[in-house]
Amino acid sequence: MGFWIPFVVVVLLDQLSKAYIRSNFAVGDSVQILGEWLQLVYRENPGAAFGMLVGARWLFIVISAMSIALAICLYPRLSSFGTHGRFMVPALGLVAGGALGNLIDRVRQTTVTDFIYLKHFPAVFNIADSAIVTGSIALGIMLIIYTYRSGQSDGS
């Protein structure tokens, strides 16, 4: 699946969904999808996850740009991880695509558009956030498996 397909798909889905929300909702509007368990709730987040670090927009822009550049430089080197690298590459594409989706918002409008609400989850989020979390978890799991298996083959 490579790096670029998940990267581009995440950016497109994220930006299209945010454009839809901004065009059809006013900030604070909500629509129930699955009762109170899943809702579309339009929020503009000026900070990081859970609204932390409000006012650090330029810090987020720099960190996002650096992480995207690092991912683009790193993904070709993942072939040295063998089979594990094949699974790490699309996960890295998810993380980088999510970072770019939120970076576009921060540059274009200073805030990040959030709209997915899950009951009992502490924050409203978006597709980019979901891709970052999913990709990061997958990368972490694959790195743990790779490290564990590499240690076993070394006789450790």
N, C-alpha and C. Protein backbone atom coordinates (compact mmCIF):
# COMPACT_ATOMS: atom_id res chain seq x y z
N MET A 1 0.84 -1.20 0.00
CA MET A 1 0.00 0.00 0.00
C MET A 1 0.87 1.24 0.00
N GLY A 2 2.08 1.14 0.46
CA GLY A 2 3.00 2.26 0.38
C GLY A 2 2.69 3.39 1.33
N PHE A 3 3.45 4.41 1.21
CA PHE A 3 3.35 5.61 2.05
C PHE A 3 2.35 6.60 1.47
N TRP A 4 2.42 6.82 0.17
CA TRP A 4 1.68 7.92 -0.44
C TRP A 4 0.17 7.72 -0.50
N ILE A 5 -0.30 6.50 -0.67
CA ILE A 5 -1.75 6.27 -0.75
C ILE A 5 -2.44 6.65 0.57
N PRO A 6 -2.02 6.10 1.73
CA PRO A 6 -2.68 6.53 2.96
C PRO A 6 -2.47 8.02 3.25
N PHE A 7 -1.30 8.54 2.90
CA PHE A 7 -1.01 9.96 3.11
C PHE A 7 -2.03 10.82 2.37
N VAL A 8 -2.19 10.58 1.07
CA VAL A 8 -3.10 11.39 0.24
C VAL A 8 -4.56 11.16 0.63
N VAL A 9 -4.93 9.91 0.88
CA VAL A 9 -6.32 9.61 1.26
C VAL A 9 -6.70 10.33 2.54
N VAL A 10 -5.82 10.29 3.53
CA VAL A 10 -6.11 10.97 4.81
C VAL A 10 -6.26 12.47 4.59
N VAL A 11 -5.34 13.08 3.86
CA VAL A 11 -5.42 14.53 3.64
C VAL A 11 -6.72 14.88 2.91
N LEU A 12 -7.06 14.15 1.87
CA LEU A 12 -8.29 14.44 1.11
C LEU A 12 -9.55 14.25 1.96
N LEU A 13 -9.66 13.10 2.63
CA LEU A 13 -10.85 12.87 3.46
C LEU A 13 -10.95 13.89 4.58
N ASP A 14 -9.82 14.21 5.19
CA ASP A 14 -9.81 15.18 6.27
C ASP A 14 -10.27 16.56 5.78
N GLN A 15 -9.68 17.03 4.70
CA GLN A 15 -10.01 18.37 4.22
C GLN A 15 -11.44 18.44 3.66
N LEU A 16 -11.89 17.40 2.97
CA LEU A 16 -13.27 17.39 2.46
C LEU A 16 -14.28 17.36 3.60
N SER A 17 -14.02 16.54 4.62
CA SER A 17 -14.96 16.46 5.75
C SER A 17 -14.99 17.78 6.52
N LYS A 18 -13.85 18.41 6.70
CA LYS A 18 -13.82 19.70 7.40
C LYS A 18 -14.52 20.79 6.58
N ALA A 19 -14.32 20.78 5.27
CA ALA A 19 -15.00 21.76 4.41
C ALA A 19 -16.52 21.58 4.50
N TYR A 20 -16.95 20.31 4.51
CA TYR A 20 -18.39 20.03 4.65
C TYR A 20 -18.93 20.58 5.97
N ILE A 21 -18.23 20.32 7.04
CA ILE A 21 -18.68 20.77 8.36
C ILE A 21 -18.72 22.30 8.40
N ARG A 22 -17.66 22.96 7.95
CA ARG A 22 -17.62 24.43 7.98
C ARG A 22 -18.70 25.05 7.10
N SER A 23 -19.08 24.36 6.02
CA SER A 23 -20.09 24.90 5.09
C SER A 23 -21.52 24.66 5.56
N ASN A 24 -21.73 23.62 6.35
CA ASN A 24 -23.10 23.22 6.69
C ASN A 24 -23.47 23.36 8.16
N PHE A 25 -22.51 23.75 9.00
CA PHE A 25 -22.77 23.88 10.43
C PHE A 25 -22.26 25.24 10.91
N ALA A 26 -22.84 25.70 11.99
CA ALA A 26 -22.28 26.84 12.71
C ALA A 26 -21.52 26.26 13.90
N VAL A 27 -20.49 26.96 14.36
CA VAL A 27 -19.72 26.47 15.50
C VAL A 27 -20.67 26.19 16.65
N GLY A 28 -20.56 25.00 17.21
CA GLY A 28 -21.42 24.59 18.32
C GLY A 28 -22.59 23.72 17.89
N ASP A 29 -22.95 23.75 16.59
CA ASP A 29 -24.04 22.90 16.11
C ASP A 29 -23.66 21.43 16.26
N SER A 30 -24.69 20.59 16.45
CA SER A 30 -24.44 19.16 16.53
C SER A 30 -25.59 18.39 15.91
N VAL A 31 -25.27 17.19 15.43
CA VAL A 31 -26.24 16.28 14.85
C VAL A 31 -25.93 14.89 15.37
N GLN A 32 -26.95 14.21 15.87
CA GLN A 32 -26.74 12.85 16.35
C GLN A 32 -26.67 11.89 15.17
N ILE A 33 -25.66 11.01 15.19
CA ILE A 33 -25.50 9.99 14.16
C ILE A 33 -25.97 8.65 14.73
N LEU A 34 -25.45 8.28 15.87
CA LEU A 34 -25.86 7.07 16.60
C LEU A 34 -26.29 7.48 18.00
N GLY A 35 -27.45 8.11 18.07
CA GLY A 35 -27.94 8.59 19.36
C GLY A 35 -26.93 9.53 19.99
N GLU A 36 -26.74 9.38 21.29
CA GLU A 36 -25.76 10.22 21.97
C GLU A 36 -24.35 9.63 21.93
N TRP A 37 -24.19 8.45 21.34
CA TRP A 37 -22.88 7.77 21.28
C TRP A 37 -21.95 8.35 20.24
N LEU A 38 -22.49 8.75 19.09
CA LEU A 38 -21.68 9.33 18.02
C LEU A 38 -22.42 10.53 17.46
N GLN A 39 -21.76 11.67 17.47
CA GLN A 39 -22.37 12.90 16.98
C GLN A 39 -21.37 13.69 16.15
N LEU A 40 -21.90 14.50 15.24
CA LEU A 40 -21.10 15.52 14.59
C LEU A 40 -21.30 16.79 15.41
N VAL A 41 -20.22 17.33 15.94
CA VAL A 41 -20.27 18.54 16.76
C VAL A 41 -19.18 19.47 16.25
N TYR A 42 -19.57 20.61 15.72
CA TYR A 42 -18.60 21.52 15.10
C TYR A 42 -17.90 22.37 16.16
N ARG A 43 -16.57 22.20 16.22
CA ARG A 43 -15.72 22.98 17.12
C ARG A 43 -14.51 23.49 16.34
N GLU A 44 -13.97 24.62 16.74
CA GLU A 44 -12.71 25.13 16.22
C GLU A 44 -11.72 25.12 17.38
N ASN A 45 -10.64 24.37 17.23
CA ASN A 45 -9.67 24.17 18.30
C ASN A 45 -8.42 25.01 18.04
N PRO A 46 -8.15 26.01 18.88
CA PRO A 46 -6.97 26.84 18.68
C PRO A 46 -5.70 26.24 19.29
N GLY A 47 -5.83 25.11 19.96
CA GLY A 47 -4.67 24.51 20.63
C GLY A 47 -4.37 23.13 20.09
N ALA A 48 -3.80 22.31 20.96
CA ALA A 48 -3.47 20.93 20.62
C ALA A 48 -4.61 20.03 21.10
N ALA A 49 -4.32 18.76 21.23
CA ALA A 49 -5.32 17.81 21.72
C ALA A 49 -5.91 18.30 23.04
N PHE A 50 -7.21 18.13 23.19
CA PHE A 50 -7.93 18.53 24.39
C PHE A 50 -7.85 20.04 24.65
N GLY A 51 -7.55 20.83 23.61
CA GLY A 51 -7.49 22.27 23.76
C GLY A 51 -6.27 22.78 24.53
N MET A 52 -5.25 21.94 24.68
CA MET A 52 -4.05 22.37 25.42
C MET A 52 -3.21 23.32 24.57
N LEU A 53 -2.41 24.12 25.24
CA LEU A 53 -1.43 25.01 24.61
C LEU A 53 -2.06 25.98 23.61
N VAL A 54 -3.17 26.56 23.99
CA VAL A 54 -3.80 27.59 23.15
C VAL A 54 -2.81 28.73 22.98
N GLY A 55 -2.66 29.22 21.77
CA GLY A 55 -1.75 30.32 21.51
C GLY A 55 -0.38 29.86 21.03
N ALA A 56 -0.17 28.56 20.91
CA ALA A 56 1.13 28.03 20.46
C ALA A 56 1.05 27.61 18.99
N ARG A 57 0.27 28.33 18.20
CA ARG A 57 0.04 27.98 16.80
C ARG A 57 1.34 27.78 16.03
N TRP A 58 2.29 28.68 16.17
CA TRP A 58 3.53 28.57 15.39
C TRP A 58 4.36 27.37 15.83
N LEU A 59 4.30 27.03 17.09
CA LEU A 59 4.98 25.83 17.57
C LEU A 59 4.40 24.60 16.88
N PHE A 60 3.07 24.52 16.80
CA PHE A 60 2.41 23.39 16.14
C PHE A 60 2.73 23.35 14.65
N ILE A 61 2.80 24.52 14.02
CA ILE A 61 3.13 24.57 12.60
C ILE A 61 4.54 24.03 12.37
N VAL A 62 5.49 24.46 13.17
CA VAL A 62 6.88 24.01 13.02
C VAL A 62 6.99 22.51 13.30
N ILE A 63 6.39 22.05 14.39
CA ILE A 63 6.47 20.63 14.74
C ILE A 63 5.80 19.77 13.66
N SER A 64 4.66 20.21 13.16
CA SER A 64 3.97 19.45 12.11
C SER A 64 4.81 19.38 10.84
N ALA A 65 5.34 20.51 10.42
CA ALA A 65 6.16 20.53 9.20
C ALA A 65 7.39 19.64 9.36
N MET A 66 8.02 19.70 10.51
CA MET A 66 9.20 18.87 10.75
C MET A 66 8.84 17.38 10.78
N SER A 67 7.70 17.04 11.37
CA SER A 67 7.32 15.62 11.44
C SER A 67 6.96 15.08 10.06
N ILE A 68 6.32 15.90 9.23
CA ILE A 68 6.00 15.47 7.86
C ILE A 68 7.29 15.27 7.06
N ALA A 69 8.21 16.21 7.17
CA ALA A 69 9.50 16.09 6.46
C ALA A 69 10.26 14.86 6.94
N LEU A 70 10.26 14.62 8.23
CA LEU A 70 10.94 13.44 8.79
C LEU A 70 10.31 12.16 8.26
N ALA A 71 8.99 12.10 8.23
CA ALA A 71 8.30 10.91 7.73
C ALA A 71 8.63 10.65 6.27
N ILE A 72 8.66 11.71 5.47
CA ILE A 72 8.96 11.56 4.04
C ILE A 72 10.40 11.06 3.85
N CYS A 73 11.31 11.54 4.69
CA CYS A 73 12.70 11.08 4.60
C CYS A 73 12.88 9.67 5.17
N LEU A 74 12.08 9.33 6.16
CA LEU A 74 12.25 8.06 6.86
C LEU A 74 11.63 6.86 6.15
N TYR A 75 10.49 7.05 5.50
CA TYR A 75 9.77 5.89 4.99
C TYR A 75 10.58 5.03 4.00
N PRO A 76 11.42 5.60 3.13
CA PRO A 76 12.19 4.71 2.25
C PRO A 76 13.18 3.82 3.01
N ARG A 77 13.61 4.27 4.18
CA ARG A 77 14.58 3.51 4.96
C ARG A 77 13.95 2.36 5.74
N LEU A 78 12.64 2.32 5.78
CA LEU A 78 11.96 1.27 6.54
C LEU A 78 12.08 -0.10 5.88
N SER A 79 12.56 -0.15 4.66
CA SER A 79 12.74 -1.45 4.01
C SER A 79 13.77 -2.30 4.77
N SER A 80 14.64 -1.67 5.53
CA SER A 80 15.62 -2.43 6.32
C SER A 80 14.95 -3.19 7.46
N PHE A 81 13.68 -2.90 7.73
CA PHE A 81 12.94 -3.61 8.77
C PHE A 81 12.27 -4.87 8.21
N GLY A 82 12.52 -5.20 6.95
CA GLY A 82 11.96 -6.41 6.35
C GLY A 82 10.45 -6.36 6.28
N THR A 83 9.82 -7.48 6.61
CA THR A 83 8.36 -7.58 6.58
C THR A 83 7.71 -6.53 7.45
N HIS A 84 8.30 -6.25 8.59
CA HIS A 84 7.74 -5.26 9.51
C HIS A 84 7.69 -3.87 8.86
N GLY A 85 8.70 -3.58 8.04
CA GLY A 85 8.74 -2.29 7.36
C GLY A 85 7.57 -2.10 6.42
N ARG A 86 7.11 -3.18 5.80
CA ARG A 86 5.95 -3.09 4.90
C ARG A 86 4.71 -2.61 5.63
N PHE A 87 4.60 -2.95 6.92
CA PHE A 87 3.46 -2.50 7.70
C PHE A 87 3.70 -1.13 8.32
N MET A 88 4.96 -0.79 8.55
CA MET A 88 5.27 0.51 9.13
C MET A 88 5.09 1.65 8.13
N VAL A 89 5.36 1.39 6.86
CA VAL A 89 5.29 2.45 5.84
C VAL A 89 3.88 3.05 5.73
N PRO A 90 2.82 2.26 5.59
CA PRO A 90 1.49 2.89 5.53
C PRO A 90 1.10 3.55 6.85
N ALA A 91 1.54 2.98 7.97
CA ALA A 91 1.25 3.61 9.26
C ALA A 91 1.90 4.99 9.33
N LEU A 92 3.12 5.09 8.84
CA LEU A 92 3.82 6.37 8.80
C LEU A 92 3.09 7.34 7.85
N GLY A 93 2.53 6.81 6.76
CA GLY A 93 1.73 7.63 5.85
C GLY A 93 0.49 8.19 6.53
N LEU A 94 -0.14 7.38 7.40
CA LEU A 94 -1.30 7.86 8.15
C LEU A 94 -0.91 9.02 9.07
N VAL A 95 0.19 8.84 9.80
CA VAL A 95 0.63 9.88 10.73
C VAL A 95 0.96 11.17 9.98
N ALA A 96 1.73 11.06 8.90
CA ALA A 96 2.12 12.25 8.13
C ALA A 96 0.91 12.91 7.47
N GLY A 97 -0.01 12.11 6.93
CA GLY A 97 -1.22 12.66 6.33
C GLY A 97 -2.07 13.40 7.35
N GLY A 98 -2.20 12.84 8.53
CA GLY A 98 -2.94 13.51 9.59
C GLY A 98 -2.28 14.81 10.01
N ALA A 99 -0.95 14.77 10.12
CA ALA A 99 -0.22 15.99 10.48
C ALA A 99 -0.44 17.07 9.43
N LEU A 100 -0.41 16.69 8.15
CA LEU A 100 -0.62 17.68 7.09
C LEU A 100 -2.06 18.20 7.10
N GLY A 101 -3.03 17.33 7.36
CA GLY A 101 -4.42 17.78 7.42
C GLY A 101 -4.62 18.87 8.46
N ASN A 102 -4.07 18.67 9.65
CA ASN A 102 -4.21 19.68 10.70
C ASN A 102 -3.32 20.90 10.43
N LEU A 103 -2.17 20.68 9.80
CA LEU A 103 -1.29 21.80 9.44
C LEU A 103 -1.99 22.74 8.46
N ILE A 104 -2.68 22.18 7.49
CA ILE A 104 -3.42 23.01 6.52
C ILE A 104 -4.40 23.92 7.25
N ASP A 105 -5.12 23.37 8.23
CA ASP A 105 -6.06 24.18 9.01
C ASP A 105 -5.35 25.30 9.76
N ARG A 106 -4.26 24.96 10.43
CA ARG A 106 -3.55 25.95 11.24
C ARG A 106 -3.01 27.10 10.37
N VAL A 107 -2.53 26.77 9.18
CA VAL A 107 -1.98 27.80 8.29
C VAL A 107 -3.12 28.62 7.68
N ARG A 108 -4.16 27.95 7.22
CA ARG A 108 -5.25 28.63 6.51
C ARG A 108 -6.14 29.44 7.44
N GLN A 109 -6.46 28.89 8.62
CA GLN A 109 -7.47 29.58 9.44
C GLN A 109 -7.09 29.72 10.90
N THR A 110 -5.92 29.39 11.30
CA THR A 110 -5.36 29.50 12.66
C THR A 110 -5.89 28.47 13.66
N THR A 111 -7.03 27.87 13.40
CA THR A 111 -7.58 26.84 14.29
C THR A 111 -7.75 25.54 13.52
N VAL A 112 -7.96 24.46 14.24
CA VAL A 112 -8.22 23.16 13.62
C VAL A 112 -9.69 22.84 13.79
N THR A 113 -10.34 22.46 12.70
CA THR A 113 -11.75 22.09 12.74
C THR A 113 -11.89 20.67 13.27
N ASP A 114 -12.66 20.54 14.35
CA ASP A 114 -12.97 19.23 14.94
C ASP A 114 -14.47 19.02 14.85
N PHE A 115 -14.88 17.75 14.73
CA PHE A 115 -16.32 17.53 14.55
C PHE A 115 -16.80 16.14 14.97
N ILE A 116 -15.94 15.23 15.33
CA ILE A 116 -16.38 13.89 15.71
C ILE A 116 -16.43 13.81 17.24
N TYR A 117 -17.61 13.49 17.74
CA TYR A 117 -17.81 13.34 19.18
C TYR A 117 -18.21 11.92 19.49
N LEU A 118 -17.45 11.28 20.36
CA LEU A 118 -17.80 9.96 20.87
C LEU A 118 -18.11 10.08 22.36
N LYS A 119 -19.24 9.54 22.77
CA LYS A 119 -19.60 9.60 24.18
C LYS A 119 -18.49 8.96 25.01
N HIS A 120 -18.19 9.56 26.11
CA HIS A 120 -17.16 9.13 27.07
C HIS A 120 -15.74 9.37 26.57
N PHE A 121 -15.57 9.99 25.42
CA PHE A 121 -14.22 10.37 24.98
C PHE A 121 -14.05 11.84 25.35
N PRO A 122 -12.92 12.23 25.88
CA PRO A 122 -12.79 13.57 26.47
C PRO A 122 -12.68 14.74 25.49
N ALA A 123 -12.65 14.50 24.18
CA ALA A 123 -12.48 15.62 23.25
C ALA A 123 -13.17 15.33 21.93
N VAL A 124 -13.51 16.39 21.23
CA VAL A 124 -14.01 16.30 19.86
C VAL A 124 -12.78 16.25 18.97
N PHE A 125 -12.82 15.44 17.91
CA PHE A 125 -11.64 15.26 17.07
C PHE A 125 -12.03 15.23 15.61
N ASN A 126 -11.07 14.92 14.72
CA ASN A 126 -11.33 14.90 13.29
C ASN A 126 -10.63 13.71 12.65
N ILE A 127 -10.72 13.60 11.33
CA ILE A 127 -10.12 12.46 10.62
C ILE A 127 -8.59 12.50 10.73
N ALA A 128 -8.00 13.68 10.66
CA ALA A 128 -6.55 13.79 10.79
C ALA A 128 -6.09 13.27 12.15
N ASP A 129 -6.79 13.66 13.20
CA ASP A 129 -6.44 13.18 14.55
C ASP A 129 -6.54 11.66 14.62
N SER A 130 -7.59 11.10 14.03
CA SER A 130 -7.78 9.65 14.03
C SER A 130 -6.64 8.95 13.31
N ALA A 131 -6.20 9.51 12.18
CA ALA A 131 -5.11 8.92 11.42
C ALA A 131 -3.80 8.98 12.19
N ILE A 132 -3.55 10.09 12.87
CA ILE A 132 -2.33 10.23 13.66
C ILE A 132 -2.30 9.19 14.77
N VAL A 133 -3.40 9.04 15.48
CA VAL A 133 -3.45 8.09 16.59
C VAL A 133 -3.35 6.65 16.08
N THR A 134 -4.12 6.31 15.05
CA THR A 134 -4.10 4.95 14.49
C THR A 134 -2.72 4.61 13.95
N GLY A 135 -2.13 5.51 13.18
CA GLY A 135 -0.79 5.27 12.63
C GLY A 135 0.26 5.15 13.71
N SER A 136 0.17 5.99 14.73
CA SER A 136 1.15 5.94 15.83
C SER A 136 1.06 4.64 16.61
N ILE A 137 -0.16 4.19 16.87
CA ILE A 137 -0.34 2.91 17.58
C ILE A 137 0.22 1.77 16.74
N ALA A 138 -0.10 1.75 15.45
CA ALA A 138 0.40 0.70 14.56
C ALA A 138 1.93 0.72 14.50
N LEU A 139 2.52 1.91 14.39
CA LEU A 139 3.99 2.02 14.38
C LEU A 139 4.58 1.50 15.68
N GLY A 140 3.98 1.87 16.79
CA GLY A 140 4.48 1.42 18.08
C GLY A 140 4.43 -0.09 18.21
N ILE A 141 3.31 -0.68 17.81
CA ILE A 141 3.17 -2.14 17.89
C ILE A 141 4.20 -2.81 16.99
N MET A 142 4.35 -2.32 15.77
CA MET A 142 5.32 -2.93 14.84
C MET A 142 6.75 -2.77 15.34
N LEU A 143 7.08 -1.66 15.95
CA LEU A 143 8.43 -1.48 16.49
C LEU A 143 8.69 -2.42 17.66
N ILE A 144 7.69 -2.62 18.49
CA ILE A 144 7.82 -3.56 19.61
C ILE A 144 8.03 -4.97 19.08
N ILE A 145 7.22 -5.36 18.11
CA ILE A 145 7.35 -6.71 17.53
C ILE A 145 8.72 -6.86 16.87
N TYR A 146 9.13 -5.86 16.09
CA TYR A 146 10.42 -5.92 15.41
C TYR A 146 11.56 -6.04 16.42
N THR A 147 11.50 -5.21 17.45
CA THR A 147 12.55 -5.22 18.48
C THR A 147 12.59 -6.56 19.20
N TYR A 148 11.41 -7.09 19.54
CA TYR A 148 11.32 -8.38 20.22
C TYR A 148 11.89 -9.50 19.35
N ARG A 149 11.46 -9.54 18.09
CA ARG A 149 11.93 -10.61 17.19
C ARG A 149 13.40 -10.47 16.86
N SER A 150 13.89 -9.24 16.74
CA SER A 150 15.31 -9.02 16.47
C SER A 150 16.15 -9.49 17.65
N GLY A 151 15.67 -9.23 18.83
CA GLY A 151 16.37 -9.67 20.04
C GLY A 151 16.43 -11.17 20.15
N GLN A 152 15.37 -11.86 19.71
CA GLN A 152 15.34 -13.33 19.76
C GLN A 152 16.29 -13.92 18.73
N SER A 153 16.39 -13.31 17.55
CA SER A 153 17.25 -13.88 16.52
C SER A 153 18.74 -13.64 16.82
N ASP A 154 19.02 -12.65 17.69
CA ASP A 154 20.41 -12.40 18.09
C ASP A 154 20.87 -13.33 19.20
N GLY A 155 19.95 -14.12 19.71
CA GLY A 155 20.26 -15.02 20.82
C GLY A 155 20.18 -14.32 22.17
N SER A 156 19.57 -13.14 22.21
CA SER A 156 19.44 -12.39 23.47
C SER A 156 18.37 -12.97 24.34
